[in-house]
Amino acid sequence: MTTNKHPLPARIGWLAVALAAIPLAASAQSTGRLYDPMPPEDSAYVRVVQAGSGAPVVVSVDGKVRVKQLAARTASEYWVLPAGKHVIQLQSGGKAGPRMTLDAAEQGAYTIAFPSAAANARAYAFQDRTGTNKLKAMMAVYHLAPGAGTLDVTTADGKTKVFNGLKAGAPAIIEVNPIQVKLVASRGGVPLANAALNMRQGNAYSVFLFPSGAQGVNAVTLQNQRERYTGK
C-alpha cells in the first residue's frame, strides 16, 4: 500500500549517530572496529510500527524475520534495505498477519504503520522527511487513530499551532528548534492527549497518536534510530 505518499527530500543525515571519543587505558586496547561502513547509495530506510494493543508480533521483510518481538505501540529501528519492492508482513501467535508491498526509493525513508495484527488490517505508508539544517531538529506526528477524526496539534500553552486539521494517515513533519516542548493533540478545542519532547540538534523525533477507546487518543514519543549497519 502506498497511500498518502508525498515526494519529499530523502537524505538520512538525522539518522546518523555521532562518535564519542573514549580514552583508552594504557594497559588495554580495544580490538573493535573504529567505524562501521556507510550504507550503499542505493539503500532505503524502513521501519515498522504496530498501532494495535495486542501481543508482540514478528516482523518479516521479504520472508526473512527482522524483528522477533515488536511490542504493541512501539516502532522498530530504521532498517537499511536495498531500494526497490519489499514485502513487509506481521505474524502473531504463529498466524500470518497483515502484509503490504512497499516500493522504496533510493535514499527514501519510510514508516509503515499497521493498525493491528489482524490479517485484513490495512497499513499506512508514510514517506518520511529529513532535515537539511543540522542545528535544527525534525519532529513528526503520525496520526494513527482514525476514530478520533481530524486533530490539531499545538504547544501546551496554546500559543503555537504546530499542525492543523491533521487526518489519520497523513504525514505531518516539520523542522524545529531543538528545545524542550509539551504538545497537545485536540479535537474541536478539546484536549485528547499530551506529549513531551526534549529535542537535540541534528536528531529526529516521532509522536505517535494511537487509538484509545472508540474516539480517544494516546500519545507515545520516541527519538528515531537507525539499525547498526555492518555491511554483512
Protein backbone atom coordinates (compact mmCIF):
# COMPACT_ATOMS: atom_id res chain seq x y z
CA MET A 1 0.00 0.00 0.00
CA THR A 2 1.34 3.41 -0.83
CA THR A 3 -1.42 5.73 0.27
CA ASN A 4 -0.68 9.27 1.38
CA LYS A 5 2.62 9.41 -0.49
CA HIS A 6 4.29 12.79 -0.55
CA PRO A 7 7.55 13.19 -2.53
CA LEU A 8 9.90 14.66 0.00
CA PRO A 9 13.66 15.09 0.33
CA ALA A 10 15.10 11.79 1.44
CA ARG A 11 18.58 12.25 2.83
CA ILE A 12 19.10 10.36 6.05
CA GLY A 13 21.57 12.58 7.86
CA TRP A 14 19.48 12.81 11.02
CA LEU A 15 19.68 9.03 11.44
CA ALA A 16 23.47 9.06 11.85
CA VAL A 17 24.90 8.56 15.32
CA ALA A 18 27.82 10.77 16.40
CA LEU A 19 31.01 9.06 17.58
CA ALA A 20 32.19 9.82 21.10
CA ALA A 21 35.89 9.90 21.99
CA ILE A 22 36.64 7.35 24.71
CA PRO A 23 40.04 7.39 26.45
CA LEU A 24 41.87 4.05 26.45
CA ALA A 25 43.76 2.69 29.44
CA ALA A 26 47.50 2.27 28.88
CA SER A 27 47.34 -1.41 29.73
CA ALA A 28 44.44 -2.29 27.46
CA GLN A 29 43.47 -1.66 23.86
CA SER A 30 40.17 -2.36 22.14
CA THR A 31 40.24 -4.56 19.06
CA GLY A 32 36.79 -3.42 17.93
CA ARG A 33 36.01 -1.62 14.69
CA LEU A 34 36.52 2.16 14.81
CA TYR A 35 33.99 2.83 12.02
CA ASP A 36 31.08 0.94 10.54
CA PRO A 37 30.78 1.12 6.75
CA MET A 38 28.33 3.57 5.23
CA PRO A 39 25.19 2.02 3.72
CA PRO A 40 25.26 1.79 -0.09
CA GLU A 41 24.00 4.80 -2.02
CA ASP A 42 21.06 2.79 -3.35
CA SER A 43 19.78 1.99 0.15
CA ALA A 44 16.34 2.80 1.54
CA TYR A 45 15.39 3.11 5.21
CA VAL A 46 12.24 1.45 6.52
CA ARG A 47 10.73 0.99 9.97
CA VAL A 48 7.52 -0.63 11.21
CA VAL A 49 5.13 0.31 13.98
CA GLN A 50 2.18 -1.71 15.25
CA ALA A 51 -0.61 0.61 16.38
CA GLY A 52 -2.67 -2.14 17.98
CA SER A 53 -2.69 -3.00 21.67
CA GLY A 54 -2.24 -6.76 21.47
CA ALA A 55 0.69 -9.12 21.98
CA PRO A 56 4.13 -8.56 20.42
CA VAL A 57 4.40 -9.52 16.75
CA VAL A 58 7.04 -10.96 14.46
CA VAL A 59 8.02 -8.68 11.57
CA SER A 60 9.38 -10.14 8.34
CA VAL A 61 10.77 -8.46 5.25
CA ASP A 62 10.74 -10.49 2.04
CA GLY A 63 10.14 -13.66 4.04
CA LYS A 64 13.03 -13.13 6.47
CA VAL A 65 12.45 -12.22 10.11
CA ARG A 66 13.75 -8.77 11.02
CA VAL A 67 12.19 -8.44 14.49
CA LYS A 68 11.20 -11.43 16.60
CA GLN A 69 9.12 -9.43 19.06
CA LEU A 70 7.86 -5.96 18.22
CA ALA A 71 5.76 -4.78 21.13
CA ALA A 72 2.45 -3.09 20.51
CA ARG A 73 2.60 0.67 20.08
CA THR A 74 6.34 0.75 19.55
CA ALA A 75 8.43 1.36 16.43
CA SER A 76 11.36 -0.63 15.14
CA GLU A 77 14.65 0.97 14.16
CA TYR A 78 15.00 2.07 10.57
CA TRP A 79 16.36 -0.90 8.63
CA VAL A 80 18.83 -0.47 5.79
CA LEU A 81 17.26 -2.14 2.74
CA PRO A 82 18.09 -2.09 -0.97
CA ALA A 83 15.87 0.31 -2.90
CA GLY A 84 13.01 -1.41 -4.71
CA LYS A 85 9.98 -3.51 -3.80
CA HIS A 86 9.79 -5.24 -0.43
CA VAL A 87 7.02 -7.28 1.20
CA ILE A 88 6.55 -6.48 4.88
CA GLN A 89 4.41 -8.81 6.98
CA LEU A 90 3.39 -9.28 10.60
CA GLN A 91 2.88 -12.61 12.34
CA SER A 92 1.09 -13.07 15.65
CA GLY A 93 0.55 -16.25 17.64
CA GLY A 94 2.01 -18.34 14.83
CA LYS A 95 -0.54 -16.99 12.36
CA ALA A 96 0.16 -14.84 9.32
CA GLY A 97 -0.96 -11.26 9.81
CA PRO A 98 -1.29 -8.24 7.53
CA ARG A 99 1.19 -7.55 4.78
CA MET A 100 1.99 -4.79 2.37
CA THR A 101 4.32 -4.22 -0.55
CA LEU A 102 6.46 -1.10 -0.44
CA ASP A 103 8.30 0.25 -3.48
CA ALA A 104 11.11 2.06 -1.67
CA ALA A 105 13.02 4.78 -3.50
CA GLU A 106 16.78 5.13 -3.32
CA GLN A 107 17.69 7.07 -0.15
CA GLY A 108 14.00 7.16 0.79
CA ALA A 109 12.89 6.82 4.42
CA TYR A 110 9.55 5.23 5.31
CA THR A 111 7.40 4.44 8.33
CA ILE A 112 4.94 1.56 7.84
CA ALA A 113 2.18 1.53 10.47
CA PHE A 114 -0.15 -1.44 10.87
CA PRO A 115 -3.40 -0.64 12.76
CA SER A 116 -3.40 -4.13 14.25
CA ALA A 117 -2.08 -7.66 13.73
CA ALA A 118 -5.35 -8.78 12.11
CA ALA A 119 -4.79 -10.35 8.70
CA ASN A 120 -7.09 -7.85 6.99
CA ALA A 121 -5.57 -4.74 8.62
CA ARG A 122 -4.67 -2.11 6.05
CA ALA A 123 -1.35 -0.38 6.71
CA TYR A 124 -0.43 3.27 6.42
CA ALA A 125 2.74 4.09 4.49
CA PHE A 126 4.43 7.37 5.38
CA GLN A 127 7.31 8.79 3.39
CA ASP A 128 9.45 10.47 5.99
CA ARG A 129 11.21 13.77 5.55
CA THR A 130 14.73 14.55 6.69
CA GLY A 131 16.29 17.82 7.73
CA THR A 132 18.95 19.86 6.00
CA ASN A 133 19.90 22.15 8.89
CA LYS A 134 21.97 20.24 11.46
CA LEU A 135 21.32 22.97 14.04
CA LYS A 136 17.61 22.11 13.97
CA ALA A 137 15.62 19.02 14.94
CA MET A 138 12.97 17.16 12.97
CA MET A 139 9.60 16.47 14.55
CA ALA A 140 6.97 14.20 13.01
CA VAL A 141 3.44 13.43 14.18
CA TYR A 142 1.81 10.19 13.00
CA HIS A 143 -1.98 10.20 13.38
CA LEU A 144 -2.92 6.51 13.68
CA ALA A 145 -6.31 6.89 15.39
CA PRO A 146 -8.91 7.27 12.62
CA GLY A 147 -11.77 7.02 15.12
CA ALA A 148 -10.61 10.29 16.69
CA GLY A 149 -11.29 12.21 13.48
CA THR A 150 -9.34 15.29 12.41
CA LEU A 151 -6.92 16.59 15.04
CA ASP A 152 -4.97 19.75 15.80
CA VAL A 153 -1.55 19.74 17.43
CA THR A 154 -0.43 22.78 19.43
CA THR A 155 2.03 23.61 22.16
CA ALA A 156 0.62 23.05 25.64
CA ASP A 157 0.38 26.78 26.32
CA GLY A 158 -1.77 27.18 23.22
CA LYS A 159 0.48 29.87 21.77
CA THR A 160 1.85 27.91 18.81
CA LYS A 161 -0.10 25.88 16.27
CA VAL A 162 2.04 23.02 15.04
CA PHE A 163 -0.37 21.12 12.76
CA ASN A 164 -3.99 21.98 11.91
CA GLY A 165 -6.61 19.62 10.52
CA LEU A 166 -4.41 16.52 10.75
CA LYS A 167 -6.14 13.47 9.28
CA ALA A 168 -5.33 9.84 10.04
CA GLY A 169 -2.63 8.52 7.72
CA ALA A 170 -1.48 11.96 6.56
CA PRO A 171 2.19 12.86 7.15
CA ALA A 172 2.99 15.82 9.38
CA ILE A 173 6.71 16.62 9.60
CA ILE A 174 8.39 19.88 10.45
CA GLU A 175 11.88 21.23 11.15
CA VAL A 176 12.01 22.97 14.55
CA ASN A 177 14.36 24.45 17.13
CA PRO A 178 15.92 21.80 19.41
CA ILE A 179 14.07 22.64 22.63
CA GLN A 180 12.00 21.02 25.34
CA VAL A 181 8.34 21.27 24.42
CA LYS A 182 4.98 19.95 25.54
CA LEU A 183 2.37 19.29 22.87
CA VAL A 184 -1.37 18.75 22.97
CA ALA A 185 -3.47 16.86 20.41
CA SER A 186 -7.04 18.13 20.40
CA ARG A 187 -10.32 17.81 18.52
CA GLY A 188 -12.56 20.83 18.28
CA GLY A 189 -10.62 22.55 21.03
CA VAL A 190 -10.96 19.59 23.42
CA PRO A 191 -7.58 18.16 24.55
CA LEU A 192 -7.22 14.43 23.92
CA ALA A 193 -3.54 13.62 24.51
CA ASN A 194 -0.31 15.21 25.75
CA ALA A 195 3.25 14.61 24.58
CA ALA A 196 6.59 15.89 25.85
CA LEU A 197 9.81 16.12 23.82
CA ASN A 198 13.34 17.05 24.83
CA MET A 199 14.90 17.63 21.43
CA ARG A 200 18.56 17.99 20.48
CA GLN A 201 20.00 19.48 17.32
CA GLY A 202 20.57 17.12 14.43
CA ASN A 203 18.17 14.47 15.79
CA ALA A 204 14.68 13.44 14.71
CA TYR A 205 11.68 12.67 16.90
CA SER A 206 8.33 10.97 16.41
CA VAL A 207 4.99 11.47 18.14
CA PHE A 208 2.61 8.58 17.51
CA LEU A 209 -1.08 9.20 18.16
CA PHE A 210 -2.55 5.76 18.85
CA PRO A 211 -6.25 4.98 19.32
CA SER A 212 -7.63 4.85 22.86
CA GLY A 213 -11.17 3.51 23.02
CA ALA A 214 -13.59 4.42 20.26
CA GLN A 215 -12.63 8.07 19.78
CA GLY A 216 -9.75 8.72 22.17
CA VAL A 217 -6.04 9.18 21.55
CA ASN A 218 -2.91 8.05 23.35
CA ALA A 219 0.42 9.75 22.52
CA VAL A 220 3.79 7.96 22.50
CA THR A 221 7.06 9.75 21.72
CA LEU A 222 10.50 8.46 20.72
CA GLN A 223 13.78 9.54 19.19
CA ASN A 224 14.32 7.96 15.78
CA GLN A 225 17.10 5.38 15.47
CA ARG A 226 18.71 3.56 12.57
CA GLU A 227 19.97 -0.01 12.91
CA ARG A 228 23.70 -0.57 13.03
CA TYR A 229 24.92 -1.30 9.52
CA THR A 230 27.95 -3.58 9.30
CA GLY A 231 27.87 -4.41 5.61
CA LYS A 232 27.00 -8.05 6.24
